[in-house]
Amino acid sequence: MTRYWWVFLLAAPLFAILLAGVKVYYSIQIWEYQGPEVVFEVRPGEGFSSINSRLANQDLISSAKLFYRYAQINNLTTKFKAGQYQITPGTNMIKMFDLLISGKAITVDVTIPEGKNLFEIAEIVSKTGACSKEDFIKKATDPTFVKSLGINAERIEGYLYPETYKLNPNTPAENLIKSMLSVFKNKTQGLNLDQNPIGLTPHQVIILASIVEKETGAKSERPKIAGVFINRLKKKMRLQSDPTTIYGIWEEYNGNLRKKDLLEYTPYNTYKIAGLPKGPISNPGRESIKAVLEPEVHKYLYFVSQNDGTHIFSETYSKHNEAVNTYQKNSRNRQGKSWRDLNKKSNEANP
């Protein structure tokens, strides 16, 4: 038997290598997480070492050392994408890599309607868990940050495009605002903001579009509303827009616009200031922007609500007063009417 001692010397390390290979294969391919479903978050800017350590500490992987070696050999250490991921029972190490690299994180659908301002948007994203309300407002009103995005304004208001967004929970405000601005740029491609009837700057176009957006719920009225404001600007008449005044007192506004509010000076109160307000008062959609660029040509200078989302337009102040008396001071013409009636008409017209 002693003559075969070399066989054992050769077989022993081979057997050890085989065992090590089996262990590695088991740890990577066979071992599966068997705990309850958990949400694991890859934090923005987090390094591989931290991710690896937290996965191991939560027993979501079989071996931190093997996880690192596999990532290193396959050049995956910098491939993980920030987000929250649902880890289910039966997840092995390979599936873990696929999940964290795929970017298929838990997302929430966040719909931003046309005409909402940054404060309202902050409420919406906060309620869905997509972003902190306080962080969003702070970033959206940071002049340094806004100017770094190429917007020459103190707020990002006007450029948070109304759309449905798929967002990761706890998205940093900076990332969310950049995404919304990117959609704005994409959606407004083809609109020449420099080409407008009265030589407004591109930013002034967005300011006026934001007012048009707030003034009417009837899409067909937007070019006519834009035409009224352009006529007033040409004549150097004050715009006298309630929505601009409300925006100027937004954080104190309780839903009731009072006479003293109309008399209070703010950079947004177009009853007190000439021309456009300091900045946009909402975030308009493409059609409101287009309405400012291509307004309806007419001689109207006034409009008043018919209490159903549409308006009566007048060329003279006397005719406007008649319309006010008919539709605003006559309670019978207000009773039971709502801008929601407009939605009903729209739905009936487009079943």
Protein backbone atom coordinates (compact mmCIF):
# COMPACT_ATOMS: atom_id res chain seq x y z
CA MET A 1 0.00 0.00 0.00
CA THR A 2 2.89 2.34 0.76
CA ARG A 3 3.70 2.43 -2.93
CA TYR A 4 0.44 4.36 -3.53
CA TRP A 5 1.09 7.08 -0.94
CA TRP A 6 1.50 9.63 -3.71
CA VAL A 7 -2.09 8.98 -4.83
CA PHE A 8 -3.37 10.16 -1.44
CA LEU A 9 -1.03 13.16 -1.53
CA LEU A 10 -2.47 14.15 -4.89
CA ALA A 11 -6.09 13.28 -4.12
CA ALA A 12 -6.29 15.18 -0.81
CA PRO A 13 -5.81 18.71 -2.22
CA LEU A 14 -7.99 17.88 -5.22
CA PHE A 15 -10.70 16.72 -2.85
CA ALA A 16 -10.29 19.91 -0.81
CA ILE A 17 -10.59 22.01 -3.97
CA LEU A 18 -13.68 20.04 -4.95
CA LEU A 19 -15.23 20.62 -1.54
CA ALA A 20 -14.43 24.33 -1.76
CA GLY A 21 -15.98 24.46 -5.23
CA VAL A 22 -19.09 22.70 -4.00
CA LYS A 23 -19.32 25.14 -1.09
CA VAL A 24 -18.99 28.12 -3.42
CA TYR A 25 -21.56 26.66 -5.82
CA TYR A 26 -23.93 25.97 -2.93
CA SER A 27 -23.50 29.47 -1.49
CA ILE A 28 -24.05 31.17 -4.84
CA GLN A 29 -26.60 28.97 -6.61
CA ILE A 30 -28.29 26.66 -4.08
CA TRP A 31 -28.58 28.66 -0.86
CA GLU A 32 -31.78 30.71 -0.80
CA TYR A 33 -33.10 33.35 1.52
CA GLN A 34 -35.94 31.80 3.54
CA GLY A 35 -37.04 34.67 5.74
CA PRO A 36 -40.14 36.85 5.33
CA GLU A 37 -40.49 39.33 2.47
CA VAL A 38 -38.45 42.42 3.26
CA VAL A 39 -37.72 45.73 1.58
CA PHE A 40 -34.03 46.44 1.11
CA GLU A 41 -32.95 49.95 0.12
CA VAL A 42 -29.86 50.80 -1.89
CA ARG A 43 -29.27 54.37 -0.83
CA PRO A 44 -28.31 57.05 -3.35
CA GLY A 45 -24.51 57.18 -3.59
CA GLU A 46 -24.04 54.16 -1.30
CA GLY A 47 -20.86 52.13 -1.90
CA PHE A 48 -20.64 48.39 -2.47
CA SER A 49 -18.98 47.68 0.88
CA SER A 50 -21.89 49.18 2.79
CA ILE A 51 -24.49 47.39 0.67
CA ASN A 52 -22.67 44.07 1.06
CA SER A 53 -22.36 44.48 4.80
CA ARG A 54 -26.04 45.30 5.28
CA LEU A 55 -27.16 42.37 3.10
CA ALA A 56 -25.05 39.99 5.20
CA ASN A 57 -26.18 41.50 8.53
CA GLN A 58 -29.80 40.94 7.51
CA ASP A 59 -29.00 37.35 6.39
CA LEU A 60 -30.16 38.17 2.87
CA ILE A 61 -27.03 36.58 1.34
CA SER A 62 -25.10 33.47 2.32
CA SER A 63 -21.64 35.05 2.49
CA ALA A 64 -20.42 38.63 2.33
CA LYS A 65 -16.97 37.41 1.26
CA LEU A 66 -18.32 35.37 -1.67
CA PHE A 67 -20.73 38.15 -2.61
CA TYR A 68 -17.77 40.52 -2.85
CA ARG A 69 -15.59 38.06 -4.81
CA TYR A 70 -18.35 37.33 -7.30
CA ALA A 71 -19.02 41.07 -7.78
CA GLN A 72 -15.30 41.77 -8.17
CA ILE A 73 -14.71 39.00 -10.73
CA ASN A 74 -17.75 40.06 -12.77
CA ASN A 75 -17.08 43.81 -12.47
CA LEU A 76 -20.38 44.45 -10.67
CA THR A 77 -19.28 46.44 -7.63
CA THR A 78 -20.43 49.75 -9.13
CA LYS A 79 -23.52 48.50 -10.96
CA PHE A 80 -26.10 48.61 -8.18
CA LYS A 81 -28.91 51.13 -8.64
CA ALA A 82 -30.46 53.18 -5.86
CA GLY A 83 -33.99 52.28 -4.87
CA GLN A 84 -36.10 50.06 -2.65
CA TYR A 85 -36.27 46.38 -3.59
CA GLN A 86 -38.66 43.64 -2.49
CA ILE A 87 -36.62 40.61 -1.34
CA THR A 88 -38.72 37.45 -1.44
CA PRO A 89 -38.08 33.96 -0.01
CA GLY A 90 -36.17 31.82 -2.51
CA THR A 91 -33.77 34.58 -3.56
CA ASN A 92 -30.25 33.26 -4.07
CA MET A 93 -27.10 35.29 -4.58
CA ILE A 94 -27.39 35.37 -8.38
CA LYS A 95 -30.98 36.58 -8.16
CA MET A 96 -29.89 39.20 -5.64
CA PHE A 97 -27.36 40.59 -8.11
CA ASP A 98 -29.93 40.57 -10.91
CA LEU A 99 -32.46 42.41 -8.73
CA LEU A 100 -30.16 45.14 -7.43
CA ILE A 101 -28.56 45.74 -10.82
CA SER A 102 -31.75 45.65 -12.89
CA GLY A 103 -33.08 48.81 -11.27
CA LYS A 104 -36.53 47.18 -11.00
CA ALA A 105 -37.08 48.78 -7.63
CA ILE A 106 -40.39 49.32 -5.89
CA THR A 107 -42.02 52.33 -7.52
CA VAL A 108 -45.07 54.47 -6.91
CA ASP A 109 -47.12 56.18 -9.61
CA VAL A 110 -47.37 59.89 -8.89
CA THR A 111 -49.73 61.94 -11.06
CA ILE A 112 -49.18 65.69 -11.15
CA PRO A 113 -52.27 67.41 -12.63
CA GLU A 114 -51.94 70.49 -14.83
CA GLY A 115 -51.98 73.79 -12.99
CA LYS A 116 -50.71 72.65 -9.59
CA ASN A 117 -48.12 74.85 -7.94
CA LEU A 118 -44.94 73.65 -6.24
CA PHE A 119 -46.56 73.63 -2.79
CA GLU A 120 -49.42 71.45 -4.02
CA ILE A 121 -46.98 69.15 -5.81
CA ALA A 122 -44.98 68.84 -2.60
CA GLU A 123 -48.16 67.64 -0.86
CA ILE A 124 -48.86 65.10 -3.60
CA VAL A 125 -45.40 63.55 -3.64
CA SER A 126 -45.26 63.52 0.15
CA LYS A 127 -48.55 61.61 0.47
CA THR A 128 -47.27 58.90 -1.87
CA GLY A 129 -44.00 58.56 0.02
CA ALA A 130 -42.02 59.54 -3.07
CA CYS A 131 -40.34 62.56 -1.49
CA SER A 132 -40.40 64.64 1.67
CA LYS A 133 -42.68 67.68 1.40
CA GLU A 134 -40.22 69.88 3.29
CA ASP A 135 -37.24 68.76 1.20
CA PHE A 136 -39.15 69.32 -2.04
CA ILE A 137 -40.22 72.87 -1.14
CA LYS A 138 -36.75 73.74 0.15
CA LYS A 139 -35.07 72.57 -3.06
CA ALA A 140 -37.74 74.00 -5.38
CA THR A 141 -37.30 77.46 -3.83
CA ASP A 142 -33.50 77.41 -3.63
CA PRO A 143 -32.31 80.11 -6.11
CA THR A 144 -28.80 78.65 -6.35
CA PHE A 145 -30.12 75.19 -7.22
CA VAL A 146 -32.69 76.57 -9.67
CA LYS A 147 -30.09 78.66 -11.49
CA SER A 148 -27.77 75.62 -11.65
CA LEU A 149 -30.49 73.97 -13.77
CA GLY A 150 -30.36 76.79 -16.31
CA ILE A 151 -33.54 78.53 -15.09
CA ASN A 152 -33.01 82.23 -14.41
CA ALA A 153 -35.49 82.42 -11.54
CA GLU A 154 -35.66 82.08 -7.78
CA ARG A 155 -38.07 79.12 -7.94
CA ILE A 156 -38.49 76.13 -10.21
CA GLU A 157 -42.21 76.98 -10.43
CA GLY A 158 -43.49 76.65 -13.99
CA TYR A 159 -41.08 73.88 -15.00
CA LEU A 160 -42.41 70.95 -12.93
CA TYR A 161 -44.20 69.35 -15.84
CA PRO A 162 -47.63 67.83 -15.14
CA GLU A 163 -47.32 64.12 -15.86
CA THR A 164 -47.54 60.68 -14.25
CA TYR A 165 -44.16 59.70 -12.87
CA LYS A 166 -42.90 56.32 -11.67
CA LEU A 167 -40.82 57.11 -8.61
CA ASN A 168 -38.88 55.21 -6.03
CA PRO A 169 -39.98 55.82 -2.44
CA ASN A 170 -37.87 58.48 -0.74
CA THR A 171 -36.56 59.92 -3.98
CA PRO A 172 -34.21 62.85 -3.24
CA ALA A 173 -35.93 66.14 -4.02
CA GLU A 174 -33.06 67.20 -6.26
CA ASN A 175 -33.43 64.07 -8.42
CA LEU A 176 -37.22 64.43 -8.64
CA ILE A 177 -37.05 68.08 -9.69
CA LYS A 178 -34.43 67.30 -12.32
CA SER A 179 -36.65 64.52 -13.71
CA MET A 180 -39.64 66.85 -13.92
CA LEU A 181 -37.58 69.53 -15.63
CA SER A 182 -36.31 66.92 -18.10
CA VAL A 183 -39.91 65.98 -18.96
CA PHE A 184 -40.74 69.70 -19.35
CA LYS A 185 -37.94 70.10 -21.89
CA ASN A 186 -39.01 66.97 -23.75
CA LYS A 187 -42.71 67.90 -23.84
CA THR A 188 -42.08 71.46 -25.01
CA GLN A 189 -39.77 70.50 -27.85
CA GLY A 190 -40.92 72.15 -31.04
CA LEU A 191 -42.40 75.15 -29.23
CA ASN A 192 -40.38 78.26 -30.01
CA LEU A 193 -40.77 80.25 -26.80
CA ASP A 194 -39.04 83.24 -28.39
CA GLN A 195 -41.77 83.58 -31.02
CA ASN A 196 -44.80 85.22 -29.43
CA PRO A 197 -47.05 88.20 -30.27
CA ILE A 198 -45.58 90.74 -27.84
CA GLY A 199 -41.93 89.82 -27.52
CA LEU A 200 -42.05 88.02 -24.18
CA THR A 201 -38.94 86.21 -23.02
CA PRO A 202 -39.21 82.40 -22.79
CA HIS A 203 -39.56 82.68 -18.99
CA GLN A 204 -42.30 85.30 -19.36
CA VAL A 205 -44.13 82.92 -21.72
CA ILE A 206 -44.14 80.32 -18.94
CA ILE A 207 -45.37 82.94 -16.46
CA LEU A 208 -48.32 83.87 -18.67
CA ALA A 209 -49.03 80.21 -19.51
CA SER A 210 -49.18 79.43 -15.80
CA ILE A 211 -51.87 82.12 -15.39
CA VAL A 212 -53.85 80.85 -18.36
CA GLU A 213 -53.68 77.35 -16.89
CA LYS A 214 -55.20 78.54 -13.60
CA GLU A 215 -57.86 80.77 -15.14
CA THR A 216 -59.82 78.17 -17.08
CA GLY A 217 -60.75 74.53 -16.82
CA ALA A 218 -62.00 74.54 -20.42
CA LYS A 219 -59.20 73.52 -22.74
CA SER A 220 -60.88 75.20 -25.72
CA GLU A 221 -60.81 78.56 -23.90
CA ARG A 222 -57.07 78.72 -23.37
CA PRO A 223 -56.18 80.62 -26.58
CA LYS A 224 -59.05 83.07 -25.93
CA ILE A 225 -57.95 83.63 -22.29
CA ALA A 226 -54.36 84.12 -23.48
CA GLY A 227 -55.66 86.65 -26.01
CA VAL A 228 -57.37 88.66 -23.25
CA PHE A 229 -54.19 88.92 -21.20
CA ILE A 230 -52.10 89.82 -24.25
CA ASN A 231 -54.61 92.54 -25.16
CA ARG A 232 -54.34 93.93 -21.63
CA LEU A 233 -50.54 93.81 -21.68
CA LYS A 234 -50.52 95.67 -25.00
CA LYS A 235 -52.74 98.37 -23.52
CA LYS A 236 -50.66 98.42 -20.32
CA MET A 237 -53.70 97.43 -18.31
CA ARG A 238 -53.22 95.47 -15.11
CA LEU A 239 -53.98 91.79 -15.52
CA GLN A 240 -56.17 91.71 -12.37
CA SER A 241 -55.99 87.94 -12.09
CA ASP A 242 -57.29 86.34 -8.89
CA PRO A 243 -55.02 83.25 -9.18
CA THR A 244 -51.89 85.41 -9.21
CA THR A 245 -53.05 87.23 -6.08
CA ILE A 246 -53.81 83.94 -4.35
CA TYR A 247 -50.35 82.60 -5.17
CA GLY A 248 -48.75 85.65 -3.56
CA ILE A 249 -50.42 84.82 -0.24
CA TRP A 250 -50.44 81.04 -0.71
CA GLU A 251 -49.04 80.03 2.65
CA GLU A 252 -51.68 82.12 4.48
CA TYR A 253 -54.55 81.55 2.02
CA ASN A 254 -57.57 79.77 3.55
CA GLY A 255 -59.63 79.34 0.40
CA ASN A 256 -61.43 82.68 0.67
CA LEU A 257 -60.06 85.60 -1.36
CA ARG A 258 -60.99 88.79 0.48
CA LYS A 259 -61.00 92.43 -0.62
CA LYS A 260 -58.05 93.20 1.65
CA ASP A 261 -56.08 90.46 -0.14
CA LEU A 262 -56.66 92.25 -3.44
CA LEU A 263 -55.34 95.44 -1.88
CA GLU A 264 -52.24 93.86 -0.36
CA TYR A 265 -49.04 94.40 -2.29
CA THR A 266 -47.11 91.29 -3.27
CA PRO A 267 -44.94 90.71 -6.36
CA TYR A 268 -47.74 88.43 -7.59
CA ASN A 269 -50.77 90.65 -6.98
CA THR A 270 -51.68 91.78 -10.49
CA TYR A 271 -54.35 94.08 -9.06
CA LYS A 272 -51.52 96.14 -7.56
CA ILE A 273 -48.65 95.69 -10.01
CA ALA A 274 -48.36 96.38 -13.71
CA GLY A 275 -47.45 93.67 -16.18
CA LEU A 276 -46.69 90.07 -15.32
CA PRO A 277 -46.14 88.77 -11.78
CA LYS A 278 -42.67 88.01 -10.49
CA GLY A 279 -42.75 84.40 -11.65
CA PRO A 280 -45.02 81.53 -12.69
CA ILE A 281 -47.91 80.70 -10.34
CA SER A 282 -48.42 77.10 -11.44
CA ASN A 283 -46.98 74.45 -13.70
CA PRO A 284 -48.70 74.60 -17.09
CA GLY A 285 -49.08 71.86 -19.66
CA ARG A 286 -48.03 72.13 -23.28
CA GLU A 287 -51.45 73.39 -24.47
CA SER A 288 -51.43 76.41 -22.16
CA ILE A 289 -47.90 77.28 -23.29
CA LYS A 290 -49.00 76.89 -26.91
CA ALA A 291 -52.01 79.15 -26.24
CA VAL A 292 -49.67 81.98 -25.22
CA LEU A 293 -47.56 81.46 -28.33
CA GLU A 294 -50.64 81.25 -30.57
CA PRO A 295 -53.39 83.25 -28.81
CA GLU A 296 -56.79 83.86 -30.31
CA VAL A 297 -56.91 87.29 -31.94
CA HIS A 298 -59.88 89.30 -30.68
CA LYS A 299 -60.71 92.54 -28.83
CA TYR A 300 -61.83 91.08 -25.50
CA LEU A 301 -60.40 92.66 -22.36
CA TYR A 302 -62.55 91.01 -19.72
CA PHE A 303 -64.01 87.63 -18.82
CA VAL A 304 -66.16 86.32 -16.01
CA SER A 305 -67.00 82.79 -14.92
CA GLN A 306 -70.32 81.22 -15.84
CA ASN A 307 -69.82 78.96 -12.79
CA ASP A 308 -69.44 75.81 -14.88
CA GLY A 309 -65.78 76.09 -15.89
CA THR A 310 -66.42 78.38 -18.87
CA HIS A 311 -66.48 82.17 -19.20
CA ILE A 312 -68.31 85.09 -20.78
CA PHE A 313 -65.96 87.46 -22.62
CA SER A 314 -66.48 91.21 -23.02
CA GLU A 315 -64.79 94.02 -24.94
CA THR A 316 -65.93 96.83 -22.65
CA TYR A 317 -66.13 97.35 -18.91
CA SER A 318 -69.87 98.05 -19.08
CA LYS A 319 -70.55 94.75 -20.82
CA HIS A 320 -68.30 93.03 -18.31
CA ASN A 321 -70.31 94.50 -15.44
CA GLU A 322 -73.49 93.18 -17.03
CA ALA A 323 -71.94 89.71 -17.17
CA VAL A 324 -70.79 89.99 -13.55
CA ASN A 325 -74.31 90.96 -12.45
CA THR A 326 -75.79 88.08 -14.41
CA TYR A 327 -73.43 85.28 -13.50
CA GLN A 328 -71.86 86.30 -10.19
CA LYS A 329 -74.31 88.55 -8.37
CA ASN A 330 -77.40 86.58 -9.34
CA SER A 331 -77.44 83.67 -6.93
CA ARG A 332 -79.82 81.68 -9.13
CA ASN A 333 -77.15 81.49 -11.84
CA ARG A 334 -74.66 80.14 -9.33
CA GLN A 335 -76.89 77.69 -7.53
CA GLY A 336 -76.07 74.06 -8.24
CA LYS A 337 -73.38 74.93 -10.75
CA SER A 338 -69.77 73.88 -10.58
CA TRP A 339 -66.65 73.66 -12.72
CA ARG A 340 -67.25 69.90 -12.40
CA ASP A 341 -70.12 70.40 -14.88
CA LEU A 342 -67.44 71.04 -17.47
CA ASN A 343 -65.91 67.62 -16.79
CA LYS A 344 -69.33 66.00 -17.23
CA LYS A 345 -69.80 67.73 -20.58
CA SER A 346 -66.34 66.66 -21.64
CA ASN A 347 -66.98 63.05 -20.66
CA GLU A 348 -70.31 63.04 -22.53
CA ALA A 349 -68.63 64.44 -25.62
CA ASN A 350 -65.81 61.87 -25.40
CA PRO A 351 -67.41 58.63 -24.11
